[in-house]
PDB file of N, CA and C in Angstrom:
ATOM      1  N   MET A   1     -55.750 -92.126 -43.555  1.00  0.00           N
ATOM      2  CA  MET A   1     -56.366 -92.093 -44.851  1.00  0.00           C
ATOM      3  C   MET A   1     -57.618 -92.953 -44.864  1.00  0.00           C
ATOM      4  N   TRP A   2     -57.508 -94.162 -44.382  1.00  0.00           N
ATOM      5  CA  TRP A   2     -58.667 -95.043 -44.370  1.00  0.00           C
ATOM      6  C   TRP A   2     -59.435 -94.825 -43.083  1.00  0.00           C
ATOM      7  N   LEU A   3     -60.699 -95.101 -43.094  1.00  0.00           N
ATOM      8  CA  LEU A   3     -61.629 -94.766 -42.029  1.00  0.00           C
ATOM      9  C   LEU A   3     -61.194 -95.213 -40.643  1.00  0.00           C
ATOM     10  N   PHE A   4     -60.741 -96.437 -40.476  1.00  0.00           N
ATOM     11  CA  PHE A   4     -60.423 -96.938 -39.158  1.00  0.00           C
ATOM     12  C   PHE A   4     -58.924 -97.075 -38.923  1.00  0.00           C
ATOM     13  N   PHE A   5     -58.112 -96.358 -39.674  1.00  0.00           N
ATOM     14  CA  PHE A   5     -56.664 -96.387 -39.508  1.00  0.00           C
ATOM     15  C   PHE A   5     -56.278 -95.406 -38.417  1.00  0.00           C
ATOM     16  N   ASP A   6     -55.339 -95.797 -37.551  1.00  0.00           N
ATOM     17  CA  ASP A   6     -54.853 -94.891 -36.517  1.00  0.00           C
ATOM     18  C   ASP A   6     -54.242 -93.656 -37.159  1.00  0.00           C
ATOM     19  N   GLN A   7     -54.291 -92.540 -36.451  1.00  0.00           N
ATOM     20  CA  GLN A   7     -53.757 -91.300 -36.994  1.00  0.00           C
ATOM     21  C   GLN A   7     -52.268 -91.406 -37.274  1.00  0.00           C
ATOM     22  N   ALA A   8     -51.833 -90.665 -38.249  1.00  0.00           N
ATOM     23  CA  ALA A   8     -50.414 -90.656 -38.616  1.00  0.00           C
ATOM     24  C   ALA A   8     -49.687 -89.635 -37.743  1.00  0.00           C
ATOM     25  N   ALA A   9     -48.581 -90.038 -37.178  1.00  0.00           N
ATOM     26  CA  ALA A   9     -47.761 -89.126 -36.385  1.00  0.00           C
ATOM     27  C   ALA A   9     -46.647 -88.590 -37.269  1.00  0.00           C
ATOM     28  N   CYS A  10     -46.521 -87.286 -37.355  1.00  0.00           N
ATOM     29  CA  CYS A  10     -45.480 -86.676 -38.179  1.00  0.00           C
ATOM     30  C   CYS A  10     -44.259 -86.391 -37.316  1.00  0.00           C
ATOM     31  N   PRO A  11     -43.098 -86.836 -37.746  1.00  0.00           N
ATOM     32  CA  PRO A  11     -41.878 -86.571 -36.967  1.00  0.00           C
ATOM     33  C   PRO A  11     -41.513 -85.089 -37.014  1.00  0.00           C
ATOM     34  N   VAL A  12     -40.779 -84.645 -36.008  1.00  0.00           N
ATOM     35  CA  VAL A  12     -40.367 -83.248 -35.932  1.00  0.00           C
ATOM     36  C   VAL A  12     -39.335 -82.926 -37.013  1.00  0.00           C
ATOM     37  N   ASP A  13     -38.399 -83.849 -37.236  1.00  0.00           N
ATOM     38  CA  ASP A  13     -37.386 -83.595 -38.266  1.00  0.00           C
ATOM     39  C   ASP A  13     -37.906 -84.076 -39.627  1.00  0.00           C
ATOM     40  N   PRO A  14     -37.484 -83.428 -40.709  1.00  0.00           N
ATOM     41  CA  PRO A  14     -37.968 -83.817 -42.042  1.00  0.00           C
ATOM     42  C   PRO A  14     -37.279 -85.085 -42.546  1.00  0.00           C
ATOM     43  N   SER A  15     -37.599 -86.203 -41.950  1.00  0.00           N
ATOM     44  CA  SER A  15     -36.983 -87.464 -42.334  1.00  0.00           C
ATOM     45  C   SER A  15     -37.773 -88.121 -43.460  1.00  0.00           C
ATOM     46  N   PRO A  16     -37.246 -89.169 -44.059  1.00  0.00           N
ATOM     47  CA  PRO A  16     -37.970 -89.873 -45.114  1.00  0.00           C
ATOM     48  C   PRO A  16     -39.323 -90.403 -44.667  1.00  0.00           C
ATOM     49  N   ALA A  17     -39.500 -90.657 -43.360  1.00  0.00           N
ATOM     50  CA  ALA A  17     -40.791 -91.145 -42.866  1.00  0.00           C
ATOM     51  C   ALA A  17     -41.913 -90.148 -43.149  1.00  0.00           C
ATOM     52  N   LEU A  18     -41.547 -88.880 -43.249  1.00  0.00           N
ATOM     53  CA  LEU A  18     -42.538 -87.857 -43.537  1.00  0.00           C
ATOM     54  C   LEU A  18     -43.031 -87.964 -44.977  1.00  0.00           C
ATOM     55  N   PHE A  19     -42.194 -88.455 -45.861  1.00  0.00           N
ATOM     56  CA  PHE A  19     -42.544 -88.517 -47.269  1.00  0.00           C
ATOM     57  C   PHE A  19     -43.014 -89.896 -47.714  1.00  0.00           C
ATOM     58  N   ALA A  20     -42.658 -90.939 -46.983  1.00  0.00           N
ATOM     59  CA  ALA A  20     -43.113 -92.292 -47.295  1.00  0.00           C
ATOM     60  C   ALA A  20     -43.755 -92.866 -46.042  1.00  0.00           C
ATOM     61  N   HIS A  21     -45.080 -92.896 -46.031  1.00  0.00           N
ATOM     62  CA  HIS A  21     -45.819 -93.322 -44.856  1.00  0.00           C
ATOM     63  C   HIS A  21     -46.727 -94.494 -45.221  1.00  0.00           C
ATOM     64  N   ASN A  22     -46.923 -95.417 -44.285  1.00  0.00           N
ATOM     65  CA  ASN A  22     -47.881 -96.493 -44.486  1.00  0.00           C
ATOM     66  C   ASN A  22     -49.227 -96.011 -43.959  1.00  0.00           C
ATOM     67  N   TRP A  23     -50.179 -95.779 -44.855  1.00  0.00           N
ATOM     68  CA  TRP A  23     -51.488 -95.239 -44.509  1.00  0.00           C
ATOM     69  C   TRP A  23     -52.459 -96.322 -44.074  1.00  0.00           C
ATOM     70  N   GLY A  24     -52.047 -97.569 -44.112  1.00  0.00           N
ATOM     71  CA  GLY A  24     -52.909 -98.665 -43.680  1.00  0.00           C
ATOM     72  C   GLY A  24     -53.426 -99.467 -44.859  1.00  0.00           C
ATOM     73  N   ALA A  25     -54.164-100.498 -44.535  1.00  0.00           N
ATOM     74  CA  ALA A  25     -54.706-101.391 -45.563  1.00  0.00           C
ATOM     75  C   ALA A  25     -55.917-100.755 -46.231  1.00  0.00           C
ATOM     76  N   ALA A  26     -55.935-100.788 -47.546  1.00  0.00           N
ATOM     77  CA  ALA A  26     -57.093-100.310 -48.304  1.00  0.00           C
ATOM     78  C   ALA A  26     -58.257-101.257 -48.033  1.00  0.00           C
ATOM     79  N   PRO A  27     -59.446-100.725 -47.780  1.00  0.00           N
ATOM     80  CA  PRO A  27     -60.556-101.589 -47.387  1.00  0.00           C
ATOM     81  C   PRO A  27     -60.990-102.591 -48.459  1.00  0.00           C
ATOM     82  N   SER A  28     -60.887-102.249 -49.707  1.00  0.00           N
ATOM     83  CA  SER A  28     -61.358-103.173 -50.747  1.00  0.00           C
ATOM     84  C   SER A  28     -60.327-104.241 -51.088  1.00  0.00           C
ATOM     85  N   SER A  29     -59.049-103.872 -51.144  1.00  0.00           N
ATOM     86  CA  SER A  29     -58.020-104.837 -51.543  1.00  0.00           C
ATOM     87  C   SER A  29     -57.289-105.461 -50.356  1.00  0.00           C
ATOM     88  N   GLY A  30     -57.241-104.751 -49.238  1.00  0.00           N
ATOM     89  CA  GLY A  30     -56.486-105.226 -48.091  1.00  0.00           C
ATOM     90  C   GLY A  30     -54.994-104.963 -48.199  1.00  0.00           C
ATOM     91  N   LEU A  31     -54.560-104.379 -49.324  1.00  0.00           N
ATOM     92  CA  LEU A  31     -53.147-104.073 -49.530  1.00  0.00           C
ATOM     93  C   LEU A  31     -52.787-102.771 -48.816  1.00  0.00           C
ATOM     94  N   ASP A  32     -51.586-102.718 -48.251  1.00  0.00           N
ATOM     95  CA  ASP A  32     -51.127-101.494 -47.612  1.00  0.00           C
ATOM     96  C   ASP A  32     -50.976-100.381 -48.636  1.00  0.00           C
ATOM     97  N   THR A  33     -51.369 -99.180 -48.230  1.00  0.00           N
ATOM     98  CA  THR A  33     -51.194 -97.989 -49.043  1.00  0.00           C
ATOM     99  C   THR A  33     -49.980 -97.261 -48.498  1.00  0.00           C
ATOM    100  N   VAL A  34     -48.888 -97.250 -49.262  1.00  0.00           N
ATOM    101  CA  VAL A  34     -47.629 -96.662 -48.805  1.00  0.00           C
ATOM    102  C   VAL A  34     -47.216 -95.567 -49.776  1.00  0.00           C
ATOM    103  N   GLY A  35     -46.870 -94.409 -49.241  1.00  0.00           N
ATOM    104  CA  GLY A  35     -46.405 -93.305 -50.068  1.00  0.00           C
ATOM    105  C   GLY A  35     -46.582 -91.987 -49.338  1.00  0.00           C
ATOM    106  N   SER A  36     -46.260 -90.921 -50.006  1.00  0.00           N
ATOM    107  CA  SER A  36     -46.367 -89.591 -49.405  1.00  0.00           C
ATOM    108  C   SER A  36     -47.821 -89.125 -49.434  1.00  0.00           C
ATOM    109  N   ILE A  37     -48.105 -88.103 -48.639  1.00  0.00           N
ATOM    110  CA  ILE A  37     -49.450 -87.530 -48.646  1.00  0.00           C
ATOM    111  C   ILE A  37     -49.784 -86.980 -50.035  1.00  0.00           C
ATOM    112  N   HIS A  38     -48.769 -86.436 -50.692  1.00  0.00           N
ATOM    113  CA  HIS A  38     -48.974 -85.885 -52.032  1.00  0.00           C
ATOM    114  C   HIS A  38     -49.251 -86.975 -53.067  1.00  0.00           C
ATOM    115  N   ALA A  39     -48.633 -88.121 -52.914  1.00  0.00           N
ATOM    116  CA  ALA A  39     -48.808 -89.205 -53.880  1.00  0.00           C
ATOM    117  C   ALA A  39     -50.056 -90.035 -53.615  1.00  0.00           C
ATOM    118  N   GLU A  40     -50.430 -90.223 -52.352  1.00  0.00           N
ATOM    119  CA  GLU A  40     -51.518 -91.138 -52.011  1.00  0.00           C
ATOM    120  C   GLU A  40     -52.822 -90.465 -51.606  1.00  0.00           C
ATOM    121  N   VAL A  41     -52.753 -89.359 -50.888  1.00  0.00           N
ATOM    122  CA  VAL A  41     -53.953 -88.750 -50.322  1.00  0.00           C
ATOM    123  C   VAL A  41     -54.498 -87.619 -51.189  1.00  0.00           C
ATOM    124  N   VAL A  42     -53.654 -86.682 -51.564  1.00  0.00           N
ATOM    125  CA  VAL A  42     -54.104 -85.513 -52.324  1.00  0.00           C
ATOM    126  C   VAL A  42     -54.834 -85.887 -53.618  1.00  0.00           C
ATOM    127  N   PRO A  43     -54.368 -86.853 -54.409  1.00  0.00           N
ATOM    128  CA  PRO A  43     -55.118 -87.212 -55.623  1.00  0.00           C
ATOM    129  C   PRO A  43     -56.548 -87.691 -55.331  1.00  0.00           C
ATOM    130  N   LYS A  44     -56.744 -88.362 -54.203  1.00  0.00           N
ATOM    131  CA  LYS A  44     -58.085 -88.830 -53.841  1.00  0.00           C
ATOM    132  C   LYS A  44     -58.966 -87.658 -53.423  1.00  0.00           C
ATOM    133  N   TRP A  45     -58.392 -86.679 -52.701  1.00  0.00           N
ATOM    134  CA  TRP A  45     -59.141 -85.475 -52.360  1.00  0.00           C
ATOM    135  C   TRP A  45     -59.548 -84.732 -53.625  1.00  0.00           C
ATOM    136  N   LEU A  46     -58.588 -84.556 -54.536  1.00  0.00           N
ATOM    137  CA  LEU A  46     -58.868 -83.820 -55.769  1.00  0.00           C
ATOM    138  C   LEU A  46     -59.918 -84.520 -56.619  1.00  0.00           C
ATOM    139  N   ASP A  47     -59.913 -85.850 -56.607  1.00  0.00           N
ATOM    140  CA  ASP A  47     -60.913 -86.608 -57.353  1.00  0.00           C
ATOM    141  C   ASP A  47     -62.316 -86.264 -56.854  1.00  0.00           C
ATOM    142  N   VAL A  48     -62.476 -86.102 -55.547  1.00  0.00           N
ATOM    143  CA  VAL A  48     -63.777 -85.746 -54.981  1.00  0.00           C
ATOM    144  C   VAL A  48     -64.086 -84.276 -55.239  1.00  0.00           C
ATOM    145  N   PHE A  49     -63.169 -83.384 -54.874  1.00  0.00           N
ATOM    146  CA  PHE A  49     -63.430 -81.948 -54.993  1.00  0.00           C
ATOM    147  C   PHE A  49     -63.612 -81.485 -56.439  1.00  0.00           C
ATOM    148  N   ASN A  50     -62.927 -82.105 -57.388  1.00  0.00           N
ATOM    149  CA  ASN A  50     -63.031 -81.696 -58.789  1.00  0.00           C
ATOM    150  C   ASN A  50     -64.165 -82.388 -59.528  1.00  0.00           C
ATOM    151  N   GLY A  51     -64.831 -83.330 -58.861  1.00  0.00           N
ATOM    152  CA  GLY A  51     -65.937 -84.043 -59.489  1.00  0.00           C
ATOM    153  C   GLY A  51     -67.274 -83.503 -59.007  1.00  0.00           C
ATOM    154  N   SER A  52     -68.316 -84.169 -59.420  1.00  0.00           N
ATOM    155  CA  SER A  52     -69.658 -83.822 -58.979  1.00  0.00           C
ATOM    156  C   SER A  52     -69.956 -84.661 -57.739  1.00  0.00           C
ATOM    157  N   TYR A  53     -70.089 -84.014 -56.590  1.00  0.00           N
ATOM    158  CA  TYR A  53     -70.298 -84.742 -55.347  1.00  0.00           C
ATOM    159  C   TYR A  53     -71.559 -84.278 -54.643  1.00  0.00           C
ATOM    160  N   THR A  54     -72.059 -85.115 -53.733  1.00  0.00           N
ATOM    161  CA  THR A  54     -73.216 -84.813 -52.903  1.00  0.00           C
ATOM    162  C   THR A  54     -72.719 -84.511 -51.500  1.00  0.00           C
ATOM    163  N   LEU A  55     -73.175 -83.416 -50.929  1.00  0.00           N
ATOM    164  CA  LEU A  55     -72.770 -82.992 -49.596  1.00  0.00           C
ATOM    165  C   LEU A  55     -73.876 -83.296 -48.599  1.00  0.00           C
ATOM    166  N   SER A  56     -73.528 -83.915 -47.473  1.00  0.00           N
ATOM    167  CA  SER A  56     -74.497 -84.150 -46.401  1.00  0.00           C
ATOM    168  C   SER A  56     -73.798 -83.951 -45.066  1.00  0.00           C
ATOM    169  N   CYS A  57     -74.582 -83.850 -44.015  1.00  0.00           N
ATOM    170  CA  CYS A  57     -74.040 -83.638 -42.670  1.00  0.00           C
ATOM    171  C   CYS A  57     -74.347 -84.821 -41.770  1.00  0.00           C
ATOM    172  N   ASN A  58     -73.326 -85.291 -41.065  1.00  0.00           N
ATOM    173  CA  ASN A  58     -73.438 -86.305 -40.022  1.00  0.00           C
ATOM    174  C   ASN A  58     -73.986 -87.655 -40.478  1.00  0.00           C
ATOM    175  N   THR A  59     -73.957 -87.915 -41.776  1.00  0.00           N
ATOM    176  CA  THR A  59     -74.343 -89.219 -42.311  1.00  0.00           C
ATOM    177  C   THR A  59     -73.372 -89.574 -43.428  1.00  0.00           C
ATOM    178  N   PRO A  60     -72.578 -90.624 -43.256  1.00  0.00           N
ATOM    179  CA  PRO A  60     -71.663 -91.013 -44.344  1.00  0.00           C
ATOM    180  C   PRO A  60     -72.452 -91.498 -45.558  1.00  0.00           C
ATOM    181  N   GLN A  61     -72.256 -90.869 -46.678  1.00  0.00           N
ATOM    182  CA  GLN A  61     -72.873 -91.299 -47.931  1.00  0.00           C
ATOM    183  C   GLN A  61     -71.856 -92.166 -48.661  1.00  0.00           C
ATOM    184  N   THR A  62     -72.251 -93.347 -49.066  1.00  0.00           N
ATOM    185  CA  THR A  62     -71.323 -94.243 -49.741  1.00  0.00           C
ATOM    186  C   THR A  62     -72.031 -95.011 -50.842  1.00  0.00           C
ATOM    187  N   GLY A  63     -71.235 -95.629 -51.701  1.00  0.00           N
ATOM    188  CA  GLY A  63     -71.752 -96.584 -52.663  1.00  0.00           C
ATOM    189  C   GLY A  63     -71.786 -97.935 -51.967  1.00  0.00           C
ATOM    190  N   GLY A  64     -71.990 -98.987 -52.690  1.00  0.00           N
ATOM    191  CA  GLY A  64     -71.994-100.318 -52.096  1.00  0.00           C
ATOM    192  C   GLY A  64     -70.636-100.674 -51.536  1.00  0.00           C
ATOM    193  N   ALA A  65     -70.621-101.345 -50.395  1.00  0.00           N
ATOM    194  CA  ALA A  65     -69.353-101.745 -49.776  1.00  0.00           C
ATOM    195  C   ALA A  65     -69.555-103.033 -48.994  1.00  0.00           C
ATOM    196  N   SER A  66     -68.528-103.844 -48.950  1.00  0.00           N
ATOM    197  CA  SER A  66     -68.570-105.092 -48.177  1.00  0.00           C
ATOM    198  C   SER A  66     -67.874-104.918 -46.834  1.00  0.00           C
ATOM    199  N   TYR A  67     -67.633-103.684 -46.437  1.00  0.00           N
ATOM    200  CA  TYR A  67     -66.954-103.376 -45.181  1.00  0.00           C
ATOM    201  C   TYR A  67     -67.698-102.244 -44.487  1.00  0.00           C
ATOM    202  N   ASN A  68     -67.385-102.013 -43.231  1.00  0.00           N
ATOM    203  CA  ASN A  68     -68.058-101.003 -42.426  1.00  0.00           C
ATOM    204  C   ASN A  68     -67.696 -99.599 -42.910  1.00  0.00           C
ATOM    205  N   THR A  69     -68.691 -98.807 -43.258  1.00  0.00           N
ATOM    206  CA  THR A  69     -68.448 -97.436 -43.725  1.00  0.00           C
ATOM    207  C   THR A  69     -69.027 -96.400 -42.763  1.00  0.00           C
ATOM    208  N   SER A  70     -69.370 -96.818 -41.545  1.00  0.00           N
ATOM    209  CA  SER A  70     -69.970 -95.889 -40.586  1.00  0.00           C
ATOM    210  C   SER A  70     -68.911 -94.980 -39.960  1.00  0.00           C
ATOM    211  N   TRP A  71     -69.362 -93.849 -39.451  1.00  0.00           N
ATOM    212  CA  TRP A  71     -68.500 -92.915 -38.722  1.00  0.00           C
ATOM    213  C   TRP A  71     -68.089 -93.612 -37.429  1.00  0.00           C
ATOM    214  N   PRO A  72     -66.797 -93.671 -37.082  1.00  0.00           N
ATOM    215  CA  PRO A  72     -66.354 -94.401 -35.891  1.00  0.00           C
ATOM    216  C   PRO A  72     -67.009 -93.887 -34.601  1.00  0.00           C
ATOM    217  N   ALA A  73     -67.420 -94.796 -33.745  1.00  0.00           N
ATOM    218  CA  ALA A  73     -68.100 -94.447 -32.495  1.00  0.00           C
ATOM    219  C   ALA A  73     -67.258 -93.526 -31.618  1.00  0.00           C
ATOM    220  N   ILE A  74     -65.940 -93.661 -31.688  1.00  0.00           N
ATOM    221  CA  ILE A  74     -65.058 -92.813 -30.879  1.00  0.00           C
ATOM    222  C   ILE A  74     -65.238 -91.328 -31.216  1.00  0.00           C
ATOM    223  N   TYR A  75     -65.741 -91.027 -32.425  1.00  0.00           N
ATOM    224  CA  TYR A  75     -65.952 -89.640 -32.860  1.00  0.00           C
ATOM    225  C   TYR A  75     -67.426 -89.253 -32.845  1.00  0.00           C
ATOM    226  N   ALA A  76     -68.253 -89.976 -32.093  1.00  0.00           N
ATOM    227  CA  ALA A  76     -69.702 -89.770 -32.102  1.00  0.00           C
ATOM    228  C   ALA A  76     -70.113 -88.340 -31.759  1.00  0.00           C
ATOM    229  N   ASN A  77     -69.359 -87.651 -30.935  1.00  0.00           N
ATOM    230  CA  ASN A  77     -69.721 -86.284 -30.539  1.00  0.00           C
ATOM    231  C   ASN A  77     -69.148 -85.217 -31.480  1.00  0.00           C
ATOM    232  N   ILE A  78     -68.572 -85.634 -32.589  1.00  0.00           N
ATOM    233  CA  ILE A  78     -68.000 -84.685 -33.555  1.00  0.00           C
ATOM    234  C   ILE A  78     -68.874 -84.645 -34.803  1.00  0.00           C
ATOM    235  N   ASN A  79     -69.329 -83.454 -35.150  1.00  0.00           N
ATOM    236  CA  ASN A  79     -70.095 -83.290 -36.384  1.00  0.00           C
ATOM    237  C   ASN A  79     -69.163 -83.388 -37.574  1.00  0.00           C
ATOM    238  N   PHE A  80     -69.697 -83.809 -38.726  1.00  0.00           N
ATOM    239  CA  PHE A  80     -68.858 -83.944 -39.906  1.00  0.00           C
ATOM    240  C   PHE A  80     -69.668 -83.740 -41.179  1.00  0.00           C
ATOM    241  N   TYR A  81     -68.947 -83.438 -42.241  1.00  0.00           N
ATOM    242  CA  TYR A  81     -69.517 -83.384 -43.579  1.00  0.00           C
ATOM    243  C   TYR A  81     -69.131 -84.648 -44.324  1.00  0.00           C
ATOM    244  N   SER A  82     -70.016 -85.115 -45.165  1.00  0.00           N
ATOM    245  CA  SER A  82     -69.743 -86.253 -46.039  1.00  0.00           C
ATOM    246  C   SER A  82     -69.840 -85.760 -47.474  1.00  0.00           C
ATOM    247  N   LEU A  83     -68.749 -85.878 -48.217  1.00  0.00           N
ATOM    248  CA  LEU A  83     -68.738 -85.517 -49.637  1.00  0.00           C
ATOM    249  C   LEU A  83     -68.660 -86.827 -50.418  1.00  0.00           C
ATOM    250  N   TYR A  84     -69.735 -87.153 -51.104  1.00  0.00           N
ATOM    251  CA  TYR A  84     -69.830 -88.428 -51.817  1.00  0.00           C
ATOM    252  C   TYR A  84     -69.795 -88.195 -53.320  1.00  0.00           C
ATOM    253  N   LYS A  85     -68.843 -88.855 -53.984  1.00  0.00           N
ATOM    254  CA  LYS A  85     -68.729 -88.814 -55.442  1.00  0.00           C
ATOM    255  C   LYS A  85     -68.998 -90.225 -55.961  1.00  0.00           C
ATOM    256  N   PRO A  86     -70.117 -90.421 -56.665  1.00  0.00           N
ATOM    257  CA  PRO A  86     -70.420 -91.763 -57.165  1.00  0.00           C
ATOM    258  C   PRO A  86     -69.440 -92.190 -58.251  1.00  0.00           C
ATOM    259  N   GLY A  87     -69.325 -93.493 -58.414  1.00  0.00           N
ATOM    260  CA  GLY A  87     -68.487 -94.034 -59.485  1.00  0.00           C
ATOM    261  C   GLY A  87     -69.141 -93.792 -60.838  1.00  0.00           C
ATOM    262  N   PRO A  88     -68.372 -93.787 -61.901  1.00  0.00           N
ATOM    263  CA  PRO A  88     -68.934 -93.558 -63.231  1.00  0.00           C
ATOM    264  C   PRO A  88     -69.795 -94.747 -63.684  1.00  0.00           C
ATOM    265  N   THR A  89     -70.663 -94.514 -64.627  1.00  0.00           N
ATOM    266  CA  THR A  89     -71.511 -95.563 -65.177  1.00  0.00           C
ATOM    267  C   THR A  89     -70.650 -96.714 -65.676  1.00  0.00           C
ATOM    268  N   GLY A  90     -71.010 -97.920 -65.262  1.00  0.00           N
ATOM    269  CA  GLY A  90     -70.246 -99.094 -65.641  1.00  0.00           C
ATOM    270  C   GLY A  90     -69.168 -99.463 -64.631  1.00  0.00           C
ATOM    271  N   ASN A  91     -68.837 -98.536 -63.730  1.00  0.00           N
ATOM    272  CA  ASN A  91     -67.836 -98.795 -62.694  1.00  0.00           C
ATOM    273  C   ASN A  91     -68.317 -98.170 -61.383  1.00  0.00           C
ATOM    274  N   GLU A  92     -69.544 -98.486 -61.006  1.00  0.00           N
ATOM    275  CA  GLU A  92     -70.194 -97.874 -59.850  1.00  0.00           C
ATOM    276  C   GLU A  92     -69.451 -98.123 -58.539  1.00  0.00           C
ATOM    277  N   ASN A  93     -68.643 -99.178 -58.481  1.00  0.00           N
ATOM    278  CA  ASN A  93     -67.912 -99.477 -57.253  1.00  0.00           C
ATOM    279  C   ASN A  93     -66.674 -98.605 -57.055  1.00  0.00           C
ATOM    280  N   SER A  94     -66.398 -97.701 -57.957  1.00  0.00           N
ATOM    281  CA  SER A  94     -65.237 -96.820 -57.782  1.00  0.00           C
ATOM    282  C   SER A  94     -65.637 -95.480 -57.174  1.00  0.00           C
ATOM    283  N   TRP A  95     -66.678 -95.475 -56.335  1.00  0.00           N
ATOM    284  CA  TRP A  95     -67.115 -94.273 -55.640  1.00  0.00           C
ATOM    285  C   TRP A  95     -66.077 -93.827 -54.610  1.00  0.00           C
ATOM    286  N   ARG A  96     -66.160 -92.565 -54.215  1.00  0.00           N
ATOM    287  CA  ARG A  96     -65.299 -92.035 -53.160  1.00  0.00           C
ATOM    288  C   ARG A  96     -66.148 -91.215 -52.195  1.00  0.00           C
ATOM    289  N   THR A  97     -65.808 -91.313 -50.916  1.00  0.00           N
ATOM    290  CA  THR A  97     -66.428 -90.478 -49.903  1.00  0.00           C
ATOM    291  C   THR A  97     -65.328 -89.844 -49.070  1.00  0.00           C
ATOM    292  N   LEU A  98     -65.428 -88.552 -48.881  1.00  0.00           N
ATOM    293  CA  LEU A  98     -64.491 -87.813 -48.040  1.00  0.00           C
ATOM    294  C   LEU A  98     -65.272 -87.339 -46.827  1.00  0.00           C
ATOM    295  N   LEU A  99     -64.867 -87.763 -45.643  1.00  0.00           N
ATOM    296  CA  LEU A  99     -65.508 -87.342 -44.398  1.00  0.00           C
ATOM    297  C   LEU A  99     -64.621 -86.282 -43.749  1.00  0.00           C
ATOM    298  N   VAL A 100     -65.199 -85.139 -43.455  1.00  0.00           N
ATOM    299  CA  VAL A 100     -64.465 -84.024 -42.872  1.00  0.00           C
ATOM    300  C   VAL A 100     -65.136 -83.631 -41.568  1.00  0.00           C
ATOM    301  N   GLY A 101     -64.413 -83.786 -40.462  1.00  0.00           N
ATOM    302  CA  GLY A 101     -65.023 -83.476 -39.164  1.00  0.00           C
ATOM    303  C   GLY A 101     -64.086 -82.725 -38.286  1.00  0.00           C
TER     304      GLY A 101
END
């Protein structure tokens, strides 16, 4: 879920681990994001797709951040789209970027 989090491995059997996963530390708060893909990831995707976003290629578009928002070097040879949804007026730091590669 988060940019530099290791990929999630899905178990073969439908165990509770499939529905409650630790997605890693959120970059702004540092708190672990724990929950199902439906509870934690899908709402963030929908927030971007259902909002007004800017589309670009091979350049991560972001709002202000105190952490690294670059595309990881390990994926340098992979092209990607950046969908950037700015935060609302008065809460500009609540922007979202979805990178799809």
